[in-house]
Structures are given as structure tokens and as C-alpha cells.
C-alpha atoms as a PDB file:
ATOM      1  CA  MET A   1      69.284-118.007  19.427  1.00  0.00           C
ATOM      2  CA  HIS A   2      67.358-115.182  17.728  1.00  0.00           C
ATOM      3  CA  GLU A   3      64.912-115.065  20.663  1.00  0.00           C
ATOM      4  CA  VAL A   4      67.778-114.584  23.138  1.00  0.00           C
ATOM      5  CA  ASP A   5      69.122-111.666  21.063  1.00  0.00           C
ATOM      6  CA  LEU A   6      65.679-110.042  21.127  1.00  0.00           C
ATOM      7  CA  GLU A   7      65.495-110.355  24.921  1.00  0.00           C
ATOM      8  CA  LYS A   8      68.994-108.898  25.270  1.00  0.00           C
ATOM      9  CA  ALA A   9      68.121-105.986  22.994  1.00  0.00           C
ATOM     10  CA  GLN A  10      64.946-105.343  24.980  1.00  0.00           C
ATOM     11  CA  ARG A  11      66.842-105.324  28.308  1.00  0.00           C
ATOM     12  CA  GLU A  12      69.431-102.915  26.946  1.00  0.00           C
ATOM     13  CA  GLU A  13      66.734-100.616  25.491  1.00  0.00           C
ATOM     14  CA  THR A  14      64.871-100.682  28.822  1.00  0.00           C
ATOM     15  CA  ARG A  15      68.031 -99.615  30.660  1.00  0.00           C
ATOM     16  CA  TRP A  16      68.562 -96.689  28.286  1.00  0.00           C
ATOM     17  CA  ARG A  17      64.929 -95.599  28.654  1.00  0.00           C
ATOM     18  CA  ILE A  18      65.216 -95.748  32.445  1.00  0.00           C
ATOM     19  CA  LEU A  19      68.241 -93.463  32.318  1.00  0.00           C
ATOM     20  CA  ARG A  20      66.340 -91.027  30.083  1.00  0.00           C
ATOM     21  CA  VAL A  21      63.331 -90.964  32.442  1.00  0.00           C
ATOM     22  CA  LEU A  22      65.596 -90.292  35.413  1.00  0.00           C
ATOM     23  CA  ASP A  23      67.339 -87.545  33.462  1.00  0.00           C
ATOM     24  CA  ALA A  24      63.986 -85.906  32.741  1.00  0.00           C
ATOM     25  CA  GLY A  25      63.235 -85.904  36.472  1.00  0.00           C
ATOM     26  CA  ARG A  26      66.498 -84.281  37.540  1.00  0.00           C
ATOM     27  CA  PRO A  27      67.326 -82.924  40.026  1.00  0.00           C
ATOM     28  CA  MET A  28      64.619 -84.836  41.885  1.00  0.00           C
ATOM     29  CA  ALA A  29      64.565 -88.585  42.416  1.00  0.00           C
ATOM     30  CA  VAL A  30      61.895 -90.374  40.354  1.00  0.00           C
ATOM     31  CA  SER A  31      59.650 -93.050  41.850  1.00  0.00           C
ATOM     32  CA  GLU A  32      59.630 -96.471  40.275  1.00  0.00           C
ATOM     33  CA  THR A  33      55.901 -95.971  39.649  1.00  0.00           C
ATOM     34  CA  VAL A  34      56.644 -93.039  37.329  1.00  0.00           C
ATOM     35  CA  VAL A  35      59.422 -94.967  35.596  1.00  0.00           C
ATOM     36  CA  PHE A  36      57.112 -97.962  35.161  1.00  0.00           C
ATOM     37  CA  ARG A  37      54.393 -95.795  33.594  1.00  0.00           C
ATOM     38  CA  ALA A  38      56.860 -94.030  31.305  1.00  0.00           C
ATOM     39  CA  LEU A  39      58.198 -97.353  30.037  1.00  0.00           C
ATOM     40  CA  GLY A  40      54.643 -98.609  29.505  1.00  0.00           C
ATOM     41  CA  ASP A  41      53.901 -95.500  27.467  1.00  0.00           C
ATOM     42  CA  ALA A  42      56.981 -96.309  25.363  1.00  0.00           C
ATOM     43  CA  SER A  43      55.504 -99.746  24.593  1.00  0.00           C
ATOM     44  CA  LEU A  44      58.207-101.615  26.464  1.00  0.00           C
ATOM     45  CA  PRO A  45      56.660-104.676  28.093  1.00  0.00           C
ATOM     46  CA  ILE A  46      58.028-104.756  31.623  1.00  0.00           C
ATOM     47  CA  SER A  47      56.895-106.094  34.980  1.00  0.00           C
ATOM     48  CA  PRO A  48      57.559-104.393  38.323  1.00  0.00           C
ATOM     49  CA  ASN A  49      60.052-107.143  39.163  1.00  0.00           C
ATOM     50  CA  VAL A  50      61.942-106.654  35.892  1.00  0.00           C
ATOM     51  CA  LEU A  51      62.022-102.892  36.490  1.00  0.00           C
ATOM     52  CA  ARG A  52      63.642-103.437  39.885  1.00  0.00           C
ATOM     53  CA  ARG A  53      66.125-105.867  38.367  1.00  0.00           C
ATOM     54  CA  GLU A  54      67.143-103.262  35.766  1.00  0.00           C
ATOM     55  CA  LEU A  55      67.337-100.485  38.389  1.00  0.00           C
ATOM     56  CA  ASP A  56      69.621-102.746  40.412  1.00  0.00           C
ATOM     57  CA  TYR A  57      71.763-103.384  37.315  1.00  0.00           C
ATOM     58  CA  LEU A  58      72.139 -99.638  36.685  1.00  0.00           C
ATOM     59  CA  ARG A  59      73.076 -99.097  40.327  1.00  0.00           C
ATOM     60  CA  ASP A  60      75.744-101.800  40.063  1.00  0.00           C
ATOM     61  CA  LYS A  61      77.135 -99.877  37.063  1.00  0.00           C
ATOM     62  CA  LYS A  62      77.213 -96.770  39.329  1.00  0.00           C
ATOM     63  CA  LEU A  63      74.864 -94.885  37.009  1.00  0.00           C
ATOM     64  CA  ILE A  64      72.032 -94.410  39.518  1.00  0.00           C
ATOM     65  CA  ASN A  65      71.341 -94.269  43.236  1.00  0.00           C
ATOM     66  CA  ILE A  66      68.274 -95.987  44.675  1.00  0.00           C
ATOM     67  CA  ALA A  67      66.371 -94.865  47.777  1.00  0.00           C
ATOM     68  CA  GLY A  68      63.489 -96.469  49.628  1.00  0.00           C
ATOM     69  CA  GLU A  69      64.514-100.090  49.251  1.00  0.00           C
ATOM     70  CA  ASP A  70      63.186-100.798  52.734  1.00  0.00           C
ATOM     71  CA  GLY A  71      59.743 -99.471  51.789  1.00  0.00           C
ATOM     72  CA  PRO A  72      57.148-100.464  49.247  1.00  0.00           C
ATOM     73  CA  VAL A  73      58.251 -98.001  46.535  1.00  0.00           C
ATOM     74  CA  TRP A  74      61.753 -97.334  45.320  1.00  0.00           C
ATOM     75  CA  SER A  75      62.941 -94.079  43.845  1.00  0.00           C
ATOM     76  CA  ALA A  76      66.045 -93.492  41.780  1.00  0.00           C
ATOM     77  CA  GLU A  77      68.224 -90.667  40.562  1.00  0.00           C
ATOM     78  CA  LEU A  78      71.181 -90.413  38.230  1.00  0.00           C
ATOM     79  CA  THR A  79      74.707 -90.237  39.587  1.00  0.00           C
ATOM     80  CA  GLY A  80      77.175 -87.845  38.007  1.00  0.00           C
ATOM     81  CA  ASN A  81      78.390 -90.718  35.836  1.00  0.00           C
ATOM     82  CA  GLY A  82      74.796 -91.482  34.819  1.00  0.00           C
ATOM     83  CA  VAL A  83      74.314 -87.868  33.736  1.00  0.00           C
ATOM     84  CA  ASP A  84      77.515 -88.093  31.693  1.00  0.00           C
ATOM     85  CA  VAL A  85      76.238 -91.233  29.925  1.00  0.00           C
ATOM     86  CA  VAL A  86      72.889 -89.589  29.109  1.00  0.00           C
ATOM     87  CA  GLU A  87      74.600 -86.404  27.926  1.00  0.00           C
ATOM     88  CA  TYR A  88      77.080 -88.338  25.753  1.00  0.00           C
ATOM     89  CA  THR A  89      80.145 -86.921  27.530  1.00  0.00           C
ATOM     90  CA  VAL A  90      81.509 -90.405  28.314  1.00  0.00           C
ATOM     91  CA  ALA A  91      81.327 -93.746  26.540  1.00  0.00           C
ATOM     92  CA  SER A  92      78.257 -95.815  27.343  1.00  0.00           C
ATOM     93  CA  PRO A  93      79.055 -98.963  29.284  1.00  0.00           C
ATOM     94  CA  PRO A  94      78.156-102.321  27.738  1.00  0.00           C
ATOM     95  CA  GLY A  95      74.613-103.452  28.416  1.00  0.00           C
ATOM     96  CA  ILE A  96      72.925-100.137  27.631  1.00  0.00           C
ATOM     97  CA  ALA A  97      71.430 -99.482  24.198  1.00  0.00           C
ATOM     98  CA  ARG A  98      72.338 -95.808  23.940  1.00  0.00           C
ATOM     99  CA  PRO A  99      71.764 -94.610  20.366  1.00  0.00           C
ATOM    100  CA  GLN A 100      74.639 -93.233  18.361  1.00  0.00           C
ATOM    101  CA  LYS A 101      75.114 -89.481  18.735  1.00  0.00           C
ATOM    102  CA  TRP A 102      74.161 -87.887  15.444  1.00  0.00           C
ATOM    103  CA  TRP A 103      74.390 -84.178  16.184  1.00  0.00           C
END
């Protein structure tokens, strides 16, 4: 059971990091290649398939929009709701490991 909790925590941390990378790229969309590299630099082990799965999850939560799904490389950008989550103006939905606001 402990292993499952670790995987869940890693997924939720990955989702938060994706949102932060997309926020850093605003107002432009960010390619999945850039997101993948940024997550690798953060020492989060992730495969391209897992990245797409998490991007899809965030889209289903209406936090991001995805473009280029018909091509070889996706790009993503935050929705207004995604910006609100990153900026701590709304509650974070379940499934995203947003840290507590301390300031």
C-alpha cells in the first residue's frame, strides 16, 4: 500500500509542476518538449506517455487547453481557472499537490 501512495503523490506533484511550467510560459502556449525537460530538471521521473496522460487529466479538470493533438508535438496553456489555481485565488482541485500558501 505504501508504494501506491508514493505513486499517487508523484502523479499529484507532477500535475502541480506542469501547471507551474505553463504559468511560467504565459501568455504563450508551452510545447510538451519544454514541459518534459523542465520536469526532468526537477528530478521527476516521467515518460512522454505519462506526460500526455497528466496533460489530459489537467485538461479534463479544465485547468489547461491542449493544441496540436493531431501532430507529433502537443502544446498546452493554462485556462483562466488554471491561472487561478496557480495564483492561489481558488481552491486547488483534488489530485494536484499544490503546496500550502505560506505568505
